[in-house]
Protein backbone atom coordinates (compact mmCIF):
# COMPACT_ATOMS: atom_id res chain seq x y z
CA MET A 1 58.37 -220.24 112.51
CA ASP A 2 55.99 -222.94 111.26
CA ALA A 3 57.80 -225.13 108.72
CA HIS A 4 54.43 -225.98 107.15
CA GLN A 5 53.67 -222.43 106.06
CA SER A 6 52.94 -221.78 102.39
CA LYS A 7 55.45 -220.53 99.82
CA GLU A 8 53.53 -217.24 99.80
CA TRP A 9 54.16 -216.89 103.54
CA PHE A 10 57.89 -217.47 103.11
CA ASP A 11 58.01 -215.06 100.17
CA LEU A 12 56.35 -212.37 102.29
CA HIS A 13 58.45 -212.90 105.41
CA TYR A 14 61.76 -213.23 103.56
CA THR A 15 61.26 -210.24 101.24
CA PRO A 16 62.39 -207.19 103.25
CA SER A 17 61.02 -204.67 100.74
CA LYS A 18 57.47 -205.76 101.61
CA TRP A 19 57.89 -204.39 105.15
CA SER A 20 59.07 -200.86 104.43
CA LYS A 21 56.75 -198.10 105.67
CA ARG A 22 58.34 -195.17 103.82
CA MET A 23 57.67 -196.20 100.21
CA ALA A 24 56.04 -198.87 98.06
CA THR A 25 57.53 -202.34 97.81
CA ASP A 26 58.34 -201.91 94.11
CA MET A 27 60.19 -198.64 94.77
CA VAL A 28 62.27 -199.20 97.89
CA VAL A 29 64.98 -201.42 96.39
CA GLY A 30 65.54 -199.14 93.39
CA HIS A 31 65.71 -196.14 95.70
CA HIS A 32 68.18 -197.97 97.94
CA VAL A 33 70.48 -198.78 95.03
CA LYS A 34 70.32 -195.19 93.78
CA VAL A 35 71.05 -193.64 97.19
CA CYS A 36 73.88 -196.03 98.06
CA THR A 37 75.45 -195.63 94.63
CA GLU A 38 75.38 -191.82 94.85
CA TYR A 39 76.81 -191.82 98.37
CA SER A 40 79.54 -194.21 97.31
CA GLU A 41 80.51 -192.29 94.18
CA THR A 42 81.10 -189.24 96.39
CA THR A 43 83.15 -191.31 98.83
CA ARG A 44 85.33 -192.80 96.10
CA LYS A 45 86.08 -189.35 94.70
CA SER A 46 86.85 -187.68 98.01
CA SER A 47 88.50 -190.38 100.13
CA HIS A 48 91.99 -191.81 100.20
CA GLY A 49 91.96 -195.49 99.41
CA GLU A 50 93.25 -198.45 97.49
CA LEU A 51 90.64 -199.74 95.07
CA SER A 52 90.01 -203.10 93.41
CA ILE A 53 92.44 -205.15 95.51
CA ARG A 54 92.28 -208.82 94.69
CA TYR A 55 92.43 -210.70 97.98
CA GLY A 56 92.22 -214.42 97.24
CA GLU A 57 92.30 -217.10 94.60
CA THR A 58 89.10 -215.93 92.87
CA LYS A 59 88.31 -212.70 91.04
CA ALA A 60 86.78 -211.17 94.18
CA LYS A 61 88.13 -207.77 95.22
CA MET A 62 87.96 -205.27 98.05
CA ASP A 63 88.49 -201.54 98.49
CA ILE A 64 90.40 -200.18 101.48
CA PHE A 65 89.82 -196.63 102.72
CA TYR A 66 92.20 -194.84 105.09
CA PRO A 67 91.75 -192.00 107.56
CA MET A 68 93.21 -188.72 106.36
CA MET A 69 95.60 -188.61 109.31
CA THR A 70 97.72 -191.22 107.55
CA ASN A 71 98.78 -188.40 105.20
CA ASN A 72 97.88 -190.49 102.19
CA ASN A 73 100.52 -193.03 103.18
CA SER A 74 98.91 -196.47 103.21
CA ALA A 75 102.19 -198.07 104.29
CA ALA A 76 101.99 -196.09 107.52
CA ALA A 77 98.52 -197.51 108.14
CA TYR A 78 99.77 -201.07 107.64
CA ASN A 79 102.24 -200.61 110.47
CA SER A 80 99.94 -198.71 112.78
CA ALA A 81 97.49 -200.15 115.31
CA LYS A 82 94.48 -198.37 113.86
CA PRO A 83 91.29 -200.46 114.14
CA VAL A 84 90.10 -201.98 110.87
CA LEU A 85 86.46 -202.49 109.90
CA LEU A 86 85.77 -205.19 107.31
CA PHE A 87 82.32 -204.67 105.78
CA VAL A 88 80.36 -207.29 103.81
CA HIS A 89 77.37 -206.07 101.81
CA GLY A 90 73.92 -207.60 101.50
CA GLY A 91 71.73 -208.42 98.51
CA TYR A 92 70.54 -211.97 99.31
CA TRP A 93 73.85 -213.39 98.06
CA GLN A 94 72.90 -212.48 94.47
CA GLU A 95 72.90 -208.69 94.25
CA GLY A 96 74.85 -205.68 95.53
CA SER A 97 78.54 -204.85 95.24
CA ARG A 98 81.45 -203.36 97.13
CA LYS A 99 81.34 -200.27 94.88
CA MET A 100 77.77 -199.59 95.99
CA HIS A 101 78.84 -199.59 99.64
CA SER A 102 81.98 -197.43 99.70
CA PHE A 103 80.04 -194.87 101.76
CA VAL A 104 80.02 -197.20 104.77
CA SER A 105 83.68 -196.25 105.24
CA ASN A 106 82.88 -192.57 105.91
CA ALA A 107 82.17 -192.75 109.63
CA TRP A 108 85.03 -195.16 110.22
CA THR A 109 87.75 -193.19 108.48
CA LYS A 110 86.50 -190.00 110.14
CA ALA A 111 86.96 -191.76 113.49
CA GLY A 112 90.54 -192.68 112.58
CA CYS A 113 89.88 -196.26 111.51
CA VAL A 114 90.65 -198.15 108.32
CA ALA A 115 87.68 -199.58 106.38
CA ALA A 116 87.87 -202.56 104.02
CA ILE A 117 84.74 -202.87 101.84
CA VAL A 118 84.63 -206.41 100.54
CA GLY A 119 83.16 -207.75 97.32
CA TYR A 120 82.47 -211.42 96.69
CA THR A 121 81.29 -213.63 93.86
CA LEU A 122 77.50 -213.76 93.75
CA ALA A 123 74.97 -216.48 92.90
CA PRO A 124 74.38 -218.17 90.59
CA GLU A 125 78.07 -218.02 89.68
CA ALA A 126 79.11 -218.99 93.21
CA SER A 127 77.52 -221.23 95.82
CA LEU A 128 76.99 -220.07 99.38
CA GLU A 129 79.83 -222.30 100.53
CA GLN A 130 82.12 -220.61 98.00
CA MET A 131 81.06 -217.18 99.26
CA VAL A 132 81.87 -218.21 102.84
CA ALA A 133 85.32 -219.31 101.67
CA GLU A 134 85.86 -215.97 99.90
CA ILE A 135 84.94 -213.96 102.99
CA GLN A 136 87.26 -216.15 105.04
CA ALA A 137 90.03 -215.34 102.56
CA ALA A 138 89.18 -211.63 102.84
CA VAL A 139 89.42 -211.75 106.65
CA LYS A 140 92.79 -213.50 106.42
CA PHE A 141 94.04 -210.97 103.84
CA VAL A 142 93.08 -207.95 105.97
CA ALA A 143 94.41 -209.47 109.20
CA ASN A 144 97.75 -210.16 107.53
CA ARG A 145 97.93 -206.72 105.91
CA PHE A 146 97.29 -204.96 109.23
CA PRO A 147 99.04 -207.25 111.73
CA LYS A 148 99.04 -204.72 114.59
CA SER A 149 95.38 -203.77 114.22
CA LYS A 150 92.23 -205.05 115.83
CA LEU A 151 89.77 -206.30 113.23
CA PHE A 152 86.01 -205.77 113.41
CA LEU A 153 83.61 -207.55 111.05
CA CYS A 154 80.40 -205.85 109.95
CA GLY A 155 77.76 -207.23 107.62
CA HIS A 156 74.28 -206.26 106.46
CA SER A 157 71.60 -208.83 105.59
CA ALA A 158 73.34 -211.57 103.57
CA GLY A 159 76.61 -209.93 104.61
CA ALA A 160 75.67 -210.38 108.26
CA HIS A 161 75.15 -214.07 107.54
CA LEU A 162 78.59 -214.34 105.93
CA CYS A 163 80.24 -212.56 108.87
CA ALA A 164 78.44 -214.84 111.33
CA MET A 165 79.77 -217.83 109.41
CA MET A 166 83.28 -216.69 110.35
CA MET A 167 82.44 -217.69 113.92
CA VAL A 168 81.99 -221.31 112.87
CA ALA A 169 84.46 -221.52 109.98
CA ASP A 170 87.50 -223.79 110.03
CA TRP A 171 90.48 -221.67 111.08
CA SER A 172 92.78 -224.59 111.90
CA LYS A 173 95.25 -223.53 109.19
CA ASP A 174 95.22 -219.90 110.37
CA PRO A 175 94.66 -219.95 114.14
CA SER A 176 96.20 -216.50 114.62
CA ILE A 177 93.26 -214.94 112.74
CA LEU A 178 91.00 -215.83 115.64
CA GLN A 179 92.98 -213.50 117.90
CA ALA A 180 92.78 -210.64 115.39
CA ILE A 181 88.97 -210.39 115.41
CA HIS A 182 87.75 -208.22 118.28
CA GLY A 183 84.14 -207.50 117.39
CA MET A 184 81.25 -208.23 115.06
CA PHE A 185 78.32 -206.09 113.99
CA LEU A 186 75.51 -208.17 112.46
CA ILE A 187 72.88 -205.91 110.91
CA SER A 188 69.49 -207.36 109.92
CA GLY A 189 70.92 -210.76 109.10
CA VAL A 190 69.72 -214.22 108.16
CA PHE A 191 71.32 -216.79 110.45
CA ASP A 192 69.22 -219.82 109.53
CA VAL A 193 69.18 -220.18 105.75
CA VAL A 194 66.81 -223.17 105.70
CA PRO A 195 63.58 -221.09 105.57
CA CYS A 196 64.92 -219.37 102.43
CA VAL A 197 64.70 -222.72 100.64
CA ASN A 198 60.93 -222.26 100.60
CA SER A 199 61.01 -218.70 99.29
CA CYS A 200 61.65 -216.93 95.99
CA VAL A 201 65.23 -216.34 97.17
CA ASN A 202 65.92 -219.95 96.26
CA ASP A 203 64.99 -219.43 92.60
CA VAL A 204 68.61 -218.41 92.12
CA MET A 205 70.32 -220.07 95.09
CA LYS A 206 69.09 -223.63 94.27
CA LEU A 207 69.54 -224.84 97.85
CA ASP A 208 67.95 -227.82 99.51
CA GLU A 209 67.44 -228.12 103.26
CA GLU A 210 70.67 -230.09 103.73
CA SER A 211 72.90 -227.66 101.83
CA ALA A 212 71.19 -224.68 103.51
CA ALA A 213 71.77 -226.17 106.96
CA ARG A 214 75.50 -226.55 106.23
CA VAL A 215 75.79 -222.77 105.81
CA SER A 216 73.47 -221.75 108.64
CA PRO A 217 75.46 -220.44 111.62
CA HIS A 218 72.42 -220.84 113.86
CA ARG A 219 72.16 -224.57 113.12
CA ILE A 220 75.90 -225.11 113.30
CA LEU A 221 75.97 -223.56 116.78
CA MET A 222 73.36 -226.11 117.85
CA LYS A 223 76.05 -228.77 117.43
CA THR A 224 79.34 -227.03 118.18
CA SER A 225 80.89 -224.03 119.91
CA PRO A 226 81.92 -220.84 118.10
CA LYS A 227 85.57 -220.45 117.15
CA ILE A 228 85.55 -216.72 117.87
CA PHE A 229 84.65 -215.16 121.23
CA CYS A 230 84.43 -211.40 120.75
CA PRO A 231 81.77 -208.77 121.46
CA VAL A 232 78.87 -209.14 119.02
CA LEU A 233 76.23 -206.48 118.36
CA VAL A 234 73.09 -207.82 116.66
CA ALA A 235 71.00 -205.00 115.18
CA VAL A 236 67.57 -204.99 113.53
CA GLU A 237 65.22 -202.40 112.11
CA GLU A 238 61.81 -201.47 113.52
CA HIS A 239 60.07 -201.74 110.15
CA GLY A 240 61.27 -205.16 109.07
CA SER A 241 60.00 -208.68 108.74
CA PRO A 242 59.25 -210.35 112.09
CA GLU A 243 61.20 -213.34 110.76
CA PHE A 244 64.40 -211.31 110.52
CA THR A 245 63.86 -210.06 114.07
CA ARG A 246 63.09 -213.56 115.32
CA GLN A 247 66.20 -214.97 113.71
CA SER A 248 68.37 -212.19 115.14
CA LYS A 249 67.03 -212.63 118.66
CA GLU A 250 67.37 -216.41 118.57
CA PHE A 251 70.92 -216.19 117.22
CA LEU A 252 71.76 -213.72 119.98
CA GLU A 253 70.53 -216.19 122.59
CA PHE A 254 72.62 -218.96 121.04
CA LEU A 255 75.70 -216.74 121.25
CA LYS A 256 74.99 -215.92 124.88
CA SER A 257 74.52 -219.61 125.70
CA HIS A 258 78.06 -220.20 124.38
CA GLY A 259 79.47 -217.39 126.50
CA VAL A 260 79.89 -214.89 123.66
CA PRO A 261 79.43 -211.31 124.94
CA SER A 262 76.46 -210.19 122.87
CA SER A 263 73.98 -207.34 122.76
CA PHE A 264 70.82 -206.53 120.82
CA LEU A 265 69.75 -203.23 119.30
CA GLU A 266 66.46 -202.46 117.57
CA LEU A 267 66.64 -199.17 115.68
CA PRO A 268 63.39 -197.17 115.64
CA GLY A 269 61.88 -195.70 112.51
CA VAL A 270 64.06 -197.50 109.95
CA ASP A 271 63.59 -200.39 107.54
CA HIS A 272 65.91 -203.04 106.11
CA PHE A 273 67.37 -200.53 103.66
CA ASP A 274 67.79 -197.18 105.40
CA ILE A 275 69.30 -198.94 108.41
CA ILE A 276 72.39 -199.25 106.19
CA GLU A 277 71.91 -196.05 104.18
CA ASN A 278 72.09 -194.07 107.42
CA LEU A 279 75.63 -195.27 108.06
CA VAL A 280 76.76 -192.47 105.75
CA ASN A 281 76.22 -190.19 108.75
CA PRO A 282 78.81 -190.52 111.58
CA GLU A 283 76.14 -189.25 113.99
CA ASP A 284 73.80 -192.13 113.18
CA CYS A 285 72.82 -194.16 116.26
CA LEU A 286 74.11 -197.45 114.85
CA CYS A 287 77.40 -195.83 113.83
CA LYS A 288 77.87 -194.55 117.35
CA GLU A 289 77.07 -197.91 118.92
CA MET A 290 79.57 -199.72 116.70
CA LEU A 291 82.28 -197.16 117.32
CA LYS A 292 81.63 -197.47 121.06
CA VAL A 293 82.51 -201.16 120.85
CA VAL A 294 85.70 -200.33 118.95
CA GLN A 295 86.71 -197.68 121.46
CA GLU A 296 86.09 -200.03 124.38
CA GLU A 297 88.20 -202.75 122.77
CA GLN A 298 90.99 -200.26 122.08
CA ALA A 299 90.85 -199.05 125.68
CA ASN A 300 91.00 -202.62 126.96
CA ASN A 301 94.12 -203.18 124.88
CA LYS A 302 95.84 -200.16 126.45
CA LYS A 303 95.11 -201.49 129.94
CA LYS A 304 96.89 -204.78 129.22
């Protein structure tokens, strides 16, 4: 990336809707919201879960969905060792919601896992640093609620950034949380926020280069080691901005240089939006790859 590029260049390369091949730029986001909302309404009507759980000191809430084999008994799930997926939605830190992403739980609960779909306070009401703190509180809440379970973090776009920040967050007051996290799935994320300062994204975020660097996991890992060493899957779409792909590949290399077991997956034929919409289908390639990581971690636990 050339730091001397124009604002128009940054707007183009940090606006995912401009890279979709399946529909016009001005249609793809609206279609995405409609599809995800419809999928999620079906999920919320048909699945067993606890909704609107407040998890920290702010108004932020999460929804937790359980596999049917728990016989509608959430207490049984708390005491089981079922894997737990914690999902953080995207929307450039200013849009999206947990309610819009309930459908992400489908494949996980079908596979016998618990899924926690996390909401967080958006900009301009909250700063990026406040969002990071909320996600950290959500991770702590879920780890404490399911003390026997392995926890896997999954985020899309801005949510991938927030999950990646958990690797460099201060866990000194809760060191046991580090042992609870056994995998991360970072889907089409932004890991260096500084370029966003020059784009239309910053119209709402109001970041400068210094404040953006403080919440950029890529830049933080240039100075320090990650706090969490677990398998990390970094996934991108074929029809996406080359900047998102560049950031993902460079972040992957940083993780590898620190000894974090990491892998890269580019999904053919999808864009920034249907890469996440497709998670409604348990047979989706990305779903299968994530569940493979979970199954391997569970198998490793049984061998110990």
